[in-house]
C-alpha atoms as a PDB file:
ATOM      1  CA  MET A   1       6.884 -70.566 -30.060  1.00  0.00           C
ATOM      2  CA  LYS A   2       8.585 -72.217 -27.107  1.00  0.00           C
ATOM      3  CA  SER A   3       6.464 -72.985 -24.113  1.00  0.00           C
ATOM      4  CA  ALA A   4       7.115 -71.298 -20.771  1.00  0.00           C
ATOM      5  CA  ALA A   5       8.534 -74.537 -19.366  1.00  0.00           C
ATOM      6  CA  SER A   6      10.908 -74.920 -22.320  1.00  0.00           C
ATOM      7  CA  ARG A   7      12.168 -71.334 -21.990  1.00  0.00           C
ATOM      8  CA  LYS A   8      12.657 -71.827 -18.271  1.00  0.00           C
ATOM      9  CA  ALA A   9      14.701 -74.994 -18.869  1.00  0.00           C
ATOM     10  CA  THR A  10      16.839 -73.215 -21.457  1.00  0.00           C
ATOM     11  CA  GLU A  11      17.537 -70.317 -19.121  1.00  0.00           C
ATOM     12  CA  ALA A  12      18.451 -72.718 -16.335  1.00  0.00           C
ATOM     13  CA  ARG A  13      20.834 -74.535 -18.658  1.00  0.00           C
ATOM     14  CA  LEU A  14      22.493 -71.259 -19.719  1.00  0.00           C
ATOM     15  CA  GLU A  15      22.879 -70.240 -16.093  1.00  0.00           C
ATOM     16  CA  GLU A  16      24.510 -73.597 -15.339  1.00  0.00           C
ATOM     17  CA  ILE A  17      26.965 -73.112 -18.223  1.00  0.00           C
ATOM     18  CA  ARG A  18      27.845 -69.608 -16.981  1.00  0.00           C
ATOM     19  CA  GLU A  19      28.544 -70.866 -13.478  1.00  0.00           C
ATOM     20  CA  VAL A  20      30.756 -73.698 -14.694  1.00  0.00           C
ATOM     21  CA  ALA A  21      32.646 -71.412 -17.082  1.00  0.00           C
ATOM     22  CA  ALA A  22      33.171 -68.825 -14.363  1.00  0.00           C
ATOM     23  CA  LYS A  23      34.720 -71.417 -12.055  1.00  0.00           C
ATOM     24  CA  THR A  24      36.766 -73.527 -14.463  1.00  0.00           C
ATOM     25  CA  ALA A  25      36.921 -71.520 -17.706  1.00  0.00           C
ATOM     26  CA  GLU A  26      35.537 -74.662 -19.391  1.00  0.00           C
ATOM     27  CA  VAL A  27      32.231 -75.251 -21.126  1.00  0.00           C
ATOM     28  CA  PRO A  28      30.520 -78.595 -20.414  1.00  0.00           C
ATOM     29  CA  ASP A  29      29.046 -81.162 -22.781  1.00  0.00           C
ATOM     30  CA  GLY A  30      31.533 -80.564 -25.562  1.00  0.00           C
ATOM     31  CA  LEU A  31      30.082 -77.193 -26.588  1.00  0.00           C
ATOM     32  CA  LYS A  32      32.373 -75.783 -29.312  1.00  0.00           C
ATOM     33  CA  THR A  33      34.050 -72.596 -28.200  1.00  0.00           C
ATOM     34  CA  SER A  34      37.387 -70.832 -28.239  1.00  0.00           C
ATOM     35  CA  VAL A  35      37.499 -70.598 -24.441  1.00  0.00           C
ATOM     36  CA  ARG A  36      40.881 -71.667 -23.113  1.00  0.00           C
ATOM     37  CA  SER A  37      42.137 -72.327 -19.625  1.00  0.00           C
ATOM     38  CA  ARG A  38      41.985 -69.761 -16.866  1.00  0.00           C
ATOM     39  CA  GLN A  39      45.779 -69.386 -17.075  1.00  0.00           C
ATOM     40  CA  SER A  40      45.548 -68.543 -20.783  1.00  0.00           C
ATOM     41  CA  LEU A  41      42.849 -65.980 -20.122  1.00  0.00           C
ATOM     42  CA  GLU A  42      44.970 -64.303 -17.488  1.00  0.00           C
ATOM     43  CA  GLN A  43      47.846 -64.079 -19.962  1.00  0.00           C
ATOM     44  CA  GLY A  44      45.883 -61.597 -21.986  1.00  0.00           C
ATOM     45  CA  SER A  45      43.314 -62.607 -24.575  1.00  0.00           C
ATOM     46  CA  TYR A  46      39.569 -62.790 -24.971  1.00  0.00           C
ATOM     47  CA  TYR A  47      38.812 -66.515 -25.301  1.00  0.00           C
ATOM     48  CA  GLY A  48      41.578 -67.145 -27.797  1.00  0.00           C
ATOM     49  CA  LEU A  49      40.952 -63.940 -29.762  1.00  0.00           C
ATOM     50  CA  PRO A  50      43.294 -60.911 -29.780  1.00  0.00           C
ATOM     51  CA  ALA A  51      42.382 -58.338 -27.163  1.00  0.00           C
ATOM     52  CA  LEU A  52      43.383 -55.505 -29.489  1.00  0.00           C
ATOM     53  CA  LYS A  53      43.620 -55.095 -33.231  1.00  0.00           C
ATOM     54  CA  ALA A  54      47.001 -53.923 -34.475  1.00  0.00           C
ATOM     55  CA  PRO A  55      47.088 -50.642 -36.453  1.00  0.00           C
ATOM     56  CA  VAL A  56      46.642 -51.361 -40.153  1.00  0.00           C
ATOM     57  CA  TRP A  57      48.145 -48.076 -41.345  1.00  0.00           C
ATOM     58  CA  THR A  58      50.691 -48.418 -44.119  1.00  0.00           C
ATOM     59  CA  TRP A  59      53.911 -46.451 -44.610  1.00  0.00           C
ATOM     60  CA  GLU A  60      51.964 -43.484 -46.019  1.00  0.00           C
ATOM     61  CA  VAL A  61      50.398 -42.523 -42.677  1.00  0.00           C
ATOM     62  CA  PRO A  62      53.559 -41.739 -40.656  1.00  0.00           C
ATOM     63  CA  LEU A  63      54.873 -39.910 -43.720  1.00  0.00           C
ATOM     64  CA  TYR A  64      51.613 -37.936 -43.742  1.00  0.00           C
ATOM     65  CA  PHE A  65      52.157 -37.119 -40.059  1.00  0.00           C
ATOM     66  CA  PHE A  66      55.602 -35.744 -40.920  1.00  0.00           C
ATOM     67  CA  VAL A  67      54.572 -33.765 -44.025  1.00  0.00           C
ATOM     68  CA  GLY A  68      51.460 -32.386 -42.331  1.00  0.00           C
ATOM     69  CA  GLY A  69      53.452 -31.262 -39.289  1.00  0.00           C
ATOM     70  CA  ALA A  70      56.082 -29.462 -41.368  1.00  0.00           C
ATOM     71  CA  ALA A  71      53.474 -27.862 -43.667  1.00  0.00           C
ATOM     72  CA  GLY A  72      51.272 -26.739 -40.788  1.00  0.00           C
ATOM     73  CA  MET A  73      54.104 -25.085 -38.889  1.00  0.00           C
ATOM     74  CA  ALA A  74      55.460 -23.513 -42.095  1.00  0.00           C
ATOM     75  CA  SER A  75      52.160 -21.648 -42.435  1.00  0.00           C
ATOM     76  CA  CYS A  76      52.511 -20.423 -38.839  1.00  0.00           C
ATOM     77  CA  ILE A  77      56.032 -19.163 -39.599  1.00  0.00           C
ATOM     78  CA  ALA A  78      54.709 -17.379 -42.699  1.00  0.00           C
ATOM     79  CA  PHE A  79      52.010 -15.592 -40.705  1.00  0.00           C
ATOM     80  CA  VAL A  80      54.385 -14.477 -37.941  1.00  0.00           C
ATOM     81  CA  ALA A  81      56.966 -13.350 -40.526  1.00  0.00           C
ATOM     82  CA  GLN A  82      54.305 -11.331 -42.339  1.00  0.00           C
ATOM     83  CA  LEU A  83      53.121  -9.868 -39.049  1.00  0.00           C
ATOM     84  CA  PHE A  84      56.619  -8.585 -38.222  1.00  0.00           C
ATOM     85  CA  HIS A  85      57.348  -7.423 -41.796  1.00  0.00           C
ATOM     86  CA  ALA A  86      60.138  -9.941 -42.314  1.00  0.00           C
ATOM     87  CA  ASN A  87      61.803 -10.694 -45.623  1.00  0.00           C
ATOM     88  CA  PRO A  88      58.981 -11.258 -48.186  1.00  0.00           C
ATOM     89  CA  ALA A  89      61.027 -14.049 -49.745  1.00  0.00           C
ATOM     90  CA  LEU A  90      60.900 -15.914 -46.407  1.00  0.00           C
ATOM     91  CA  VAL A  91      57.125 -15.484 -46.234  1.00  0.00           C
ATOM     92  CA  ARG A  92      56.788 -16.666 -49.816  1.00  0.00           C
ATOM     93  CA  LEU A  93      58.880 -19.805 -49.330  1.00  0.00           C
ATOM     94  CA  SER A  94      57.051 -20.658 -46.108  1.00  0.00           C
ATOM     95  CA  LEU A  95      53.692 -20.376 -47.855  1.00  0.00           C
ATOM     96  CA  TRP A  96      54.833 -22.486 -50.792  1.00  0.00           C
ATOM     97  CA  THR A  97      56.216 -25.093 -48.391  1.00  0.00           C
ATOM     98  CA  ALA A  98      52.822 -25.222 -46.708  1.00  0.00           C
ATOM     99  CA  LEU A  99      51.015 -25.445 -50.067  1.00  0.00           C
ATOM    100  CA  VAL A 100      53.201 -28.293 -51.346  1.00  0.00           C
ATOM    101  CA  GLY A 101      52.631 -30.141 -48.083  1.00  0.00           C
ATOM    102  CA  ALA A 102      48.883 -29.517 -48.336  1.00  0.00           C
ATOM    103  CA  ALA A 103      48.924 -31.055 -51.822  1.00  0.00           C
ATOM    104  CA  ILE A 104      50.937 -34.126 -50.755  1.00  0.00           C
ATOM    105  CA  CYS A 105      48.921 -34.944 -47.629  1.00  0.00           C
ATOM    106  CA  PRO A 106      45.643 -35.950 -49.372  1.00  0.00           C
ATOM    107  CA  LEU A 107      47.594 -38.082 -51.844  1.00  0.00           C
ATOM    108  CA  LEU A 108      49.204 -39.995 -48.976  1.00  0.00           C
ATOM    109  CA  LEU A 109      45.862 -40.524 -47.244  1.00  0.00           C
ATOM    110  CA  ILE A 110      44.177 -41.659 -50.472  1.00  0.00           C
ATOM    111  CA  SER A 111      47.048 -44.056 -51.121  1.00  0.00           C
ATOM    112  CA  ASP A 112      46.593 -45.547 -47.659  1.00  0.00           C
ATOM    113  CA  LEU A 113      42.798 -45.751 -47.979  1.00  0.00           C
ATOM    114  CA  GLY A 114      42.978 -47.366 -51.419  1.00  0.00           C
ATOM    115  CA  ARG A 115      40.740 -45.106 -53.488  1.00  0.00           C
ATOM    116  CA  PRO A 116      39.698 -41.400 -53.532  1.00  0.00           C
ATOM    117  CA  GLY A 117      36.083 -42.157 -52.695  1.00  0.00           C
ATOM    118  CA  ARG A 118      37.016 -43.287 -49.209  1.00  0.00           C
ATOM    119  CA  PHE A 119      38.659 -39.958 -48.439  1.00  0.00           C
ATOM    120  CA  LEU A 120      35.600 -38.110 -49.746  1.00  0.00           C
ATOM    121  CA  ASN A 121      33.366 -40.301 -47.593  1.00  0.00           C
ATOM    122  CA  MET A 122      35.236 -39.057 -44.521  1.00  0.00           C
ATOM    123  CA  LEU A 123      33.913 -35.586 -45.321  1.00  0.00           C
ATOM    124  CA  ARG A 124      30.316 -36.778 -45.149  1.00  0.00           C
ATOM    125  CA  VAL A 125      30.550 -36.700 -41.357  1.00  0.00           C
ATOM    126  CA  PHE A 126      31.458 -33.767 -39.124  1.00  0.00           C
ATOM    127  CA  LYS A 127      31.972 -35.131 -35.631  1.00  0.00           C
ATOM    128  CA  ILE A 128      33.748 -32.877 -33.161  1.00  0.00           C
ATOM    129  CA  ARG A 129      34.512 -35.709 -30.735  1.00  0.00           C
ATOM    130  CA  SER A 130      36.177 -37.796 -33.443  1.00  0.00           C
ATOM    131  CA  ALA A 131      39.853 -36.951 -34.014  1.00  0.00           C
ATOM    132  CA  MET A 132      39.769 -38.690 -37.411  1.00  0.00           C
ATOM    133  CA  SER A 133      36.701 -36.777 -38.613  1.00  0.00           C
ATOM    134  CA  MET A 134      38.095 -33.462 -37.415  1.00  0.00           C
ATOM    135  CA  GLY A 135      41.480 -34.275 -38.955  1.00  0.00           C
ATOM    136  CA  ALA A 136      39.948 -34.687 -42.409  1.00  0.00           C
ATOM    137  CA  TRP A 137      38.139 -31.365 -42.127  1.00  0.00           C
ATOM    138  CA  ILE A 138      41.224 -29.615 -40.724  1.00  0.00           C
ATOM    139  CA  LEU A 139      43.223 -30.805 -43.735  1.00  0.00           C
ATOM    140  CA  VAL A 140      40.584 -29.516 -46.161  1.00  0.00           C
ATOM    141  CA  ALA A 141      40.334 -26.156 -44.378  1.00  0.00           C
ATOM    142  CA  PHE A 142      44.121 -25.835 -44.234  1.00  0.00           C
ATOM    143  CA  SER A 143      44.520 -26.623 -47.935  1.00  0.00           C
ATOM    144  CA  ASN A 144      41.968 -23.995 -48.962  1.00  0.00           C
ATOM    145  CA  CYS A 145      43.398 -21.313 -46.674  1.00  0.00           C
ATOM    146  CA  VAL A 146      46.954 -21.942 -47.853  1.00  0.00           C
ATOM    147  CA  PHE A 147      45.901 -21.875 -51.497  1.00  0.00           C
ATOM    148  CA  LEU A 148      44.193 -18.496 -51.020  1.00  0.00           C
ATOM    149  CA  ALA A 149      47.185 -17.183 -49.078  1.00  0.00           C
ATOM    150  CA  VAL A 150      49.644 -18.210 -51.827  1.00  0.00           C
ATOM    151  CA  LEU A 151      47.400 -16.786 -54.542  1.00  0.00           C
ATOM    152  CA  SER A 152      47.007 -13.457 -52.740  1.00  0.00           C
ATOM    153  CA  PHE A 153      50.707 -13.240 -51.929  1.00  0.00           C
ATOM    154  CA  GLU A 154      51.736 -13.981 -55.513  1.00  0.00           C
ATOM    155  CA  LEU A 155      49.460 -11.193 -56.740  1.00  0.00           C
ATOM    156  CA  HIS A 156      51.138  -8.779 -54.326  1.00  0.00           C
ATOM    157  CA  TRP A 157      54.571 -10.138 -55.209  1.00  0.00           C
ATOM    158  CA  ARG A 158      53.970  -9.294 -58.853  1.00  0.00           C
ATOM    159  CA  GLY A 159      52.350  -5.933 -58.128  1.00  0.00           C
ATOM    160  CA  LEU A 160      48.869  -7.068 -59.221  1.00  0.00           C
ATOM    161  CA  VAL A 161      46.891  -5.528 -56.385  1.00  0.00           C
ATOM    162  CA  ILE A 162      43.129  -5.948 -56.553  1.00  0.00           C
ATOM    163  CA  PRO A 163      40.459  -4.449 -54.222  1.00  0.00           C
ATOM    164  CA  LEU A 164      40.478  -5.996 -50.760  1.00  0.00           C
ATOM    165  CA  SER A 165      43.454  -8.178 -51.707  1.00  0.00           C
ATOM    166  CA  SER A 166      45.383  -7.084 -48.592  1.00  0.00           C
ATOM    167  CA  TRP A 167      42.513  -8.095 -46.350  1.00  0.00           C
ATOM    168  CA  LEU A 168      42.188 -11.387 -48.209  1.00  0.00           C
ATOM    169  CA  LEU A 169      45.905 -12.064 -47.742  1.00  0.00           C
ATOM    170  CA  TRP A 170      45.806 -11.418 -44.016  1.00  0.00           C
ATOM    171  CA  LEU A 171      42.639 -13.485 -43.493  1.00  0.00           C
ATOM    172  CA  ALA A 172      43.981 -16.364 -45.575  1.00  0.00           C
ATOM    173  CA  GLU A 173      47.334 -16.374 -43.765  1.00  0.00           C
ATOM    174  CA  ALA A 174      45.648 -16.209 -40.363  1.00  0.00           C
ATOM    175  CA  GLY A 175      43.343 -19.077 -41.333  1.00  0.00           C
ATOM    176  CA  ALA A 176      46.273 -21.094 -42.657  1.00  0.00           C
ATOM    177  CA  ALA A 177      48.244 -20.485 -39.446  1.00  0.00           C
ATOM    178  CA  LEU A 178      45.336 -21.542 -37.213  1.00  0.00           C
ATOM    179  CA  THR A 179      44.454 -24.663 -39.200  1.00  0.00           C
ATOM    180  CA  GLY A 180      48.159 -25.417 -39.654  1.00  0.00           C
ATOM    181  CA  LEU A 181      48.631 -25.389 -35.896  1.00  0.00           C
ATOM    182  CA  LEU A 182      45.778 -27.867 -35.591  1.00  0.00           C
ATOM    183  CA  LEU A 183      47.103 -30.021 -38.443  1.00  0.00           C
ATOM    184  CA  ALA A 184      50.545 -30.286 -36.851  1.00  0.00           C
ATOM    185  CA  SER A 185      49.175 -31.349 -33.462  1.00  0.00           C
ATOM    186  CA  TYR A 186      45.978 -33.301 -34.157  1.00  0.00           C
ATOM    187  CA  THR A 187      47.887 -36.386 -35.316  1.00  0.00           C
ATOM    188  CA  GLY A 188      49.168 -36.781 -31.764  1.00  0.00           C
ATOM    189  CA  VAL A 189      45.586 -36.493 -30.515  1.00  0.00           C
ATOM    190  CA  LEU A 190      44.482 -39.034 -33.137  1.00  0.00           C
ATOM    191  CA  ILE A 191      46.739 -41.867 -32.017  1.00  0.00           C
ATOM    192  CA  GLY A 192      46.429 -40.932 -28.336  1.00  0.00           C
ATOM    193  CA  ALA A 193      42.628 -41.340 -28.498  1.00  0.00           C
ATOM    194  CA  THR A 194      42.912 -45.079 -29.256  1.00  0.00           C
ATOM    195  CA  ALA A 195      43.003 -48.122 -26.995  1.00  0.00           C
ATOM    196  CA  ILE A 196      46.613 -48.929 -27.957  1.00  0.00           C
ATOM    197  CA  PRO A 197      48.298 -48.876 -24.508  1.00  0.00           C
ATOM    198  CA  VAL A 198      51.577 -47.123 -25.414  1.00  0.00           C
ATOM    199  CA  TRP A 199      49.692 -44.398 -27.277  1.00  0.00           C
ATOM    200  CA  SER A 200      46.945 -44.030 -24.701  1.00  0.00           C
ATOM    201  CA  VAL A 201      49.230 -43.545 -21.689  1.00  0.00           C
ATOM    202  CA  ASN A 202      51.226 -40.881 -23.579  1.00  0.00           C
ATOM    203  CA  ARG A 203      48.193 -39.055 -25.033  1.00  0.00           C
ATOM    204  CA  LYS A 204      48.998 -35.793 -23.224  1.00  0.00           C
ATOM    205  CA  LEU A 205      52.591 -35.752 -24.432  1.00  0.00           C
ATOM    206  CA  LEU A 206      52.032 -36.709 -28.080  1.00  0.00           C
ATOM    207  CA  PRO A 207      50.388 -33.453 -29.358  1.00  0.00           C
ATOM    208  CA  PRO A 208      53.157 -31.097 -28.099  1.00  0.00           C
ATOM    209  CA  HIS A 209      55.741 -33.689 -29.176  1.00  0.00           C
ATOM    210  CA  PHE A 210      54.460 -33.675 -32.772  1.00  0.00           C
ATOM    211  CA  LEU A 211      53.989 -29.898 -32.661  1.00  0.00           C
ATOM    212  CA  THR A 212      57.594 -29.078 -31.743  1.00  0.00           C
ATOM    213  CA  SER A 213      58.822 -31.723 -34.160  1.00  0.00           C
ATOM    214  CA  GLY A 214      56.842 -30.039 -36.954  1.00  0.00           C
ATOM    215  CA  LEU A 215      58.189 -26.628 -35.970  1.00  0.00           C
ATOM    216  CA  GLY A 216      61.793 -27.822 -36.128  1.00  0.00           C
ATOM    217  CA  SER A 217      61.111 -29.505 -39.471  1.00  0.00           C
ATOM    218  CA  ALA A 218      59.669 -26.333 -41.003  1.00  0.00           C
ATOM    219  CA  ALA A 219      62.609 -24.282 -39.720  1.00  0.00           C
ATOM    220  CA  GLY A 220      65.011 -26.914 -41.060  1.00  0.00           C
ATOM    221  CA  ILE A 221      63.470 -26.741 -44.542  1.00  0.00           C
ATOM    222  CA  LEU A 222      63.857 -22.955 -44.568  1.00  0.00           C
ATOM    223  CA  GLU A 223      67.499 -23.260 -43.461  1.00  0.00           C
ATOM    224  CA  LEU A 224      68.299 -25.824 -46.148  1.00  0.00           C
ATOM    225  CA  ALA A 225      66.733 -23.425 -48.654  1.00  0.00           C
ATOM    226  CA  GLY A 226      69.273 -20.773 -47.630  1.00  0.00           C
ATOM    227  CA  PHE A 227      67.510 -18.746 -44.939  1.00  0.00           C
ATOM    228  CA  LEU A 228      70.313 -18.960 -42.379  1.00  0.00           C
ATOM    229  CA  ILE A 229      68.962 -16.089 -40.305  1.00  0.00           C
ATOM    230  CA  PRO A 230      68.749 -15.616 -36.513  1.00  0.00           C
ATOM    231  CA  ALA A 231      65.012 -16.419 -36.522  1.00  0.00           C
ATOM    232  CA  THR A 232      65.442 -19.900 -38.006  1.00  0.00           C
ATOM    233  CA  GLN A 233      68.414 -20.506 -35.720  1.00  0.00           C
ATOM    234  CA  PHE A 234      66.271 -19.624 -32.700  1.00  0.00           C
ATOM    235  CA  LEU A 235      63.456 -21.904 -33.894  1.00  0.00           C
ATOM    236  CA  GLY A 236      65.966 -24.700 -34.395  1.00  0.00           C
ATOM    237  CA  PHE A 237      67.392 -24.278 -30.897  1.00  0.00           C
ATOM    238  CA  PHE A 238      63.912 -24.128 -29.365  1.00  0.00           C
ATOM    239  CA  ALA A 239      62.600 -27.209 -31.200  1.00  0.00           C
ATOM    240  CA  SER A 240      65.708 -29.293 -30.466  1.00  0.00           C
ATOM    241  CA  GLY A 241      65.670 -28.248 -26.812  1.00  0.00           C
ATOM    242  CA  ALA A 242      61.979 -29.075 -26.448  1.00  0.00           C
ATOM    243  CA  GLU A 243      62.432 -32.432 -28.169  1.00  0.00           C
ATOM    244  CA  THR A 244      65.356 -33.233 -25.873  1.00  0.00           C
ATOM    245  CA  MET A 245      63.177 -32.623 -22.819  1.00  0.00           C
ATOM    246  CA  ILE A 246      60.327 -34.704 -24.248  1.00  0.00           C
ATOM    247  CA  GLU A 247      62.640 -37.595 -25.092  1.00  0.00           C
ATOM    248  CA  LEU A 248      64.115 -37.520 -21.579  1.00  0.00           C
ATOM    249  CA  MET A 249      60.599 -37.708 -20.139  1.00  0.00           C
ATOM    250  CA  LEU A 250      59.748 -40.671 -22.381  1.00  0.00           C
ATOM    251  CA  PHE A 251      62.889 -42.631 -21.546  1.00  0.00           C
ATOM    252  CA  ALA A 252      62.505 -41.926 -17.826  1.00  0.00           C
ATOM    253  CA  ARG A 253      59.118 -43.635 -17.755  1.00  0.00           C
ATOM    254  CA  ASN A 254      59.283 -47.296 -16.757  1.00  0.00           C
ATOM    255  CA  ARG A 255      55.592 -48.137 -16.867  1.00  0.00           C
ATOM    256  CA  SER A 256      54.538 -51.439 -18.415  1.00  0.00           C
ATOM    257  CA  PRO A 257      52.776 -49.815 -21.427  1.00  0.00           C
ATOM    258  CA  ASP A 258      55.965 -47.874 -22.260  1.00  0.00           C
ATOM    259  CA  ALA A 259      57.994 -51.052 -22.909  1.00  0.00           C
ATOM    260  CA  PRO A 260      57.850 -50.636 -26.742  1.00  0.00           C
ATOM    261  CA  LEU A 261      59.563 -47.254 -26.318  1.00  0.00           C
ATOM    262  CA  HIS A 262      62.616 -48.966 -24.802  1.00  0.00           C
ATOM    263  CA  HIS A 263      62.847 -52.350 -26.507  1.00  0.00           C
ATOM    264  CA  GLY A 264      62.747 -53.890 -29.964  1.00  0.00           C
ATOM    265  CA  ARG A 265      62.700 -52.133 -33.311  1.00  0.00           C
ATOM    266  CA  SER A 266      60.466 -49.326 -32.076  1.00  0.00           C
ATOM    267  CA  GLY A 267      62.724 -48.694 -29.073  1.00  0.00           C
ATOM    268  CA  ARG A 268      65.857 -48.523 -31.216  1.00  0.00           C
ATOM    269  CA  ALA A 269      64.156 -46.254 -33.763  1.00  0.00           C
ATOM    270  CA  LEU A 270      62.844 -43.939 -31.055  1.00  0.00           C
ATOM    271  CA  LEU A 271      66.283 -43.726 -29.449  1.00  0.00           C
ATOM    272  CA  ILE A 272      68.013 -42.869 -32.740  1.00  0.00           C
ATOM    273  CA  ALA A 273      65.297 -40.419 -33.807  1.00  0.00           C
ATOM    274  CA  GLY A 274      65.234 -38.765 -30.391  1.00  0.00           C
ATOM    275  CA  LEU A 275      68.992 -38.281 -30.421  1.00  0.00           C
ATOM    276  CA  MET A 276      68.921 -36.818 -33.929  1.00  0.00           C
ATOM    277  CA  GLU A 277      66.062 -34.419 -33.192  1.00  0.00           C
ATOM    278  CA  GLY A 278      67.308 -33.449 -29.767  1.00  0.00           C
ATOM    279  CA  PRO A 279      70.872 -33.629 -28.421  1.00  0.00           C
ATOM    280  CA  VAL A 280      72.703 -34.178 -31.732  1.00  0.00           C
ATOM    281  CA  ALA A 281      70.924 -31.348 -33.547  1.00  0.00           C
ATOM    282  CA  LEU A 282      71.323 -29.156 -30.488  1.00  0.00           C
ATOM    283  CA  LEU A 283      75.048 -29.899 -30.300  1.00  0.00           C
ATOM    284  CA  LEU A 284      75.536 -29.200 -34.014  1.00  0.00           C
ATOM    285  CA  ARG A 285      73.868 -25.817 -33.613  1.00  0.00           C
ATOM    286  CA  ALA A 286      75.874 -24.952 -30.525  1.00  0.00           C
ATOM    287  CA  LEU A 287      79.241 -25.925 -31.995  1.00  0.00           C
ATOM    288  CA  GLY A 288      78.748 -25.133 -35.685  1.00  0.00           C
ATOM    289  CA  GLY A 289      75.940 -22.611 -35.620  1.00  0.00           C
ATOM    290  CA  ALA A 290      78.239 -19.877 -36.911  1.00  0.00           C
ATOM    291  CA  THR A 291      79.000 -21.802 -40.098  1.00  0.00           C
ATOM    292  CA  THR A 292      76.823 -22.683 -43.060  1.00  0.00           C
ATOM    293  CA  GLU A 293      77.839 -26.337 -42.882  1.00  0.00           C
ATOM    294  CA  GLY A 294      76.908 -26.549 -39.187  1.00  0.00           C
ATOM    295  CA  ARG A 295      73.480 -25.053 -39.786  1.00  0.00           C
ATOM    296  CA  PHE A 296      72.833 -27.373 -42.741  1.00  0.00           C
ATOM    297  CA  ALA A 297      73.946 -30.414 -40.753  1.00  0.00           C
ATOM    298  CA  ALA A 298      71.715 -29.512 -37.792  1.00  0.00           C
ATOM    299  CA  ALA A 299      68.696 -28.913 -40.057  1.00  0.00           C
ATOM    300  CA  ALA A 300      69.180 -32.164 -41.991  1.00  0.00           C
ATOM    301  CA  CYS A 301      69.732 -34.127 -38.777  1.00  0.00           C
ATOM    302  CA  PHE A 302      66.524 -32.800 -37.270  1.00  0.00           C
ATOM    303  CA  LEU A 303      64.491 -33.556 -40.416  1.00  0.00           C
ATOM    304  CA  VAL A 304      65.673 -37.169 -40.564  1.00  0.00           C
ATOM    305  CA  GLY A 305      64.933 -37.614 -36.866  1.00  0.00           C
ATOM    306  CA  ALA A 306      61.483 -36.032 -37.187  1.00  0.00           C
ATOM    307  CA  LEU A 307      60.578 -38.417 -40.016  1.00  0.00           C
ATOM    308  CA  LEU A 308      61.926 -41.490 -38.246  1.00  0.00           C
ATOM    309  CA  ILE A 309      60.184 -40.707 -34.982  1.00  0.00           C
ATOM    310  CA  ARG A 310      56.751 -40.894 -36.655  1.00  0.00           C
ATOM    311  CA  TYR A 311      57.526 -44.409 -37.850  1.00  0.00           C
ATOM    312  CA  ALA A 312      58.895 -45.286 -34.410  1.00  0.00           C
ATOM    313  CA  TRP A 313      55.580 -44.385 -32.775  1.00  0.00           C
ATOM    314  CA  ILE A 314      53.611 -46.482 -35.262  1.00  0.00           C
ATOM    315  CA  TRP A 315      55.940 -49.447 -34.689  1.00  0.00           C
ATOM    316  CA  ALA A 316      55.589 -48.941 -30.940  1.00  0.00           C
ATOM    317  CA  GLY A 317      51.799 -49.116 -31.299  1.00  0.00           C
ATOM    318  CA  ARG A 318      52.006 -52.420 -33.168  1.00  0.00           C
ATOM    319  CA  SER A 319      54.407 -53.827 -30.607  1.00  0.00           C
ATOM    320  CA  SER A 320      52.118 -52.703 -27.785  1.00  0.00           C
ATOM    321  CA  VAL A 321      49.275 -54.783 -29.211  1.00  0.00           C
ATOM    322  CA  ASP A 322      51.390 -57.935 -28.897  1.00  0.00           C
ATOM    323  CA  ASN A 323      51.161 -57.677 -25.100  1.00  0.00           C
ATOM    324  CA  PRO A 324      47.416 -57.604 -24.263  1.00  0.00           C
ATOM    325  CA  ARG A 325      48.178 -58.040 -20.552  1.00  0.00           C
ATOM    326  CA  THR A 326      49.014 -54.327 -20.499  1.00  0.00           C
ATOM    327  CA  LEU A 327      45.502 -53.470 -21.646  1.00  0.00           C
ATOM    328  CA  PHE A 328      43.943 -55.511 -18.838  1.00  0.00           C
ATOM    329  CA  GLU A 329      46.255 -53.882 -16.300  1.00  0.00           C
ATOM    330  CA  LEU A 330      45.254 -50.428 -17.513  1.00  0.00           C
ATOM    331  CA  ARG A 331      41.569 -51.302 -17.379  1.00  0.00           C
ATOM    332  CA  LYS A 332      41.973 -52.707 -13.869  1.00  0.00           C
ATOM    333  CA  ALA A 333      43.782 -49.524 -12.775  1.00  0.00           C
ATOM    334  CA  SER A 334      41.069 -47.399 -14.370  1.00  0.00           C
ATOM    335  CA  SER A 335      38.350 -49.357 -12.591  1.00  0.00           C
ATOM    336  CA  THR A 336      40.166 -48.956  -9.268  1.00  0.00           C
ATOM    337  CA  LEU A 337      40.359 -45.180  -9.737  1.00  0.00           C
ATOM    338  CA  GLU A 338      36.678 -45.001 -10.569  1.00  0.00           C
END
């Protein structure tokens, strides 16, 4: 064991090193370190190391965001259609759309994670304050509810009514609608709850943004399947109008963290996707809404934009990491407010 005098000398030496480093950002006596000059530190890094780690998600994750949003909102459409005694064929297609999406989503996540065991390990934890943990459980709950809803509906569709089947159908559809609503919006919460500057500063806007995008996608799928009815037209108008307003809000913001939304690949992708989801789709519905071709064009335009905008947000997150100065500015602003 070191003597008291030795420990005291060591502590004094450490204190001397701290004082010198604080004044000059240099460590004396040739001590090996990654500390750079004060100017380099101010430019946004932690002693030569990246201040933030770039998102490592592969192409499957933004596709999962898109599929999950469309599937979740399709289940909501099915429940509302059933509630108002709409065409049973519309309810059936909406439920099957949700079920197919519920089957694809885990495959995309497993592909991104590398092996099935990693997805199963996510279910070992139930943490309400973790968007990722809750997202895994929401997906599982949604998949089970949709499966029961489709099974019950198919039994009714074929006239095979069993005891309490009506109650089971309503409960399953209600559960699918509730969990579908969460599935379509939680992805916005997930990326907004990170330290990535462009995601963090837009955390309040991302959930409704992904929600309306999912709603327009589900309506677009139904329209492309032939359900050119006033209800899907209304949903298309509403989703495109809401997306137009959201895109205008995003492009009107000139804060430093929002730079990836205006420049580079992510900025170009967001601009194109926003136009396709919003003004272009809205214009196609307004001018050609009375024709089959106009409705198909508007639906297809919205779907392409909704898919592209998920990738645009992921690219924006990666671009945001390349400018660590933004993180320090946000932390300084947060400290000032506190």
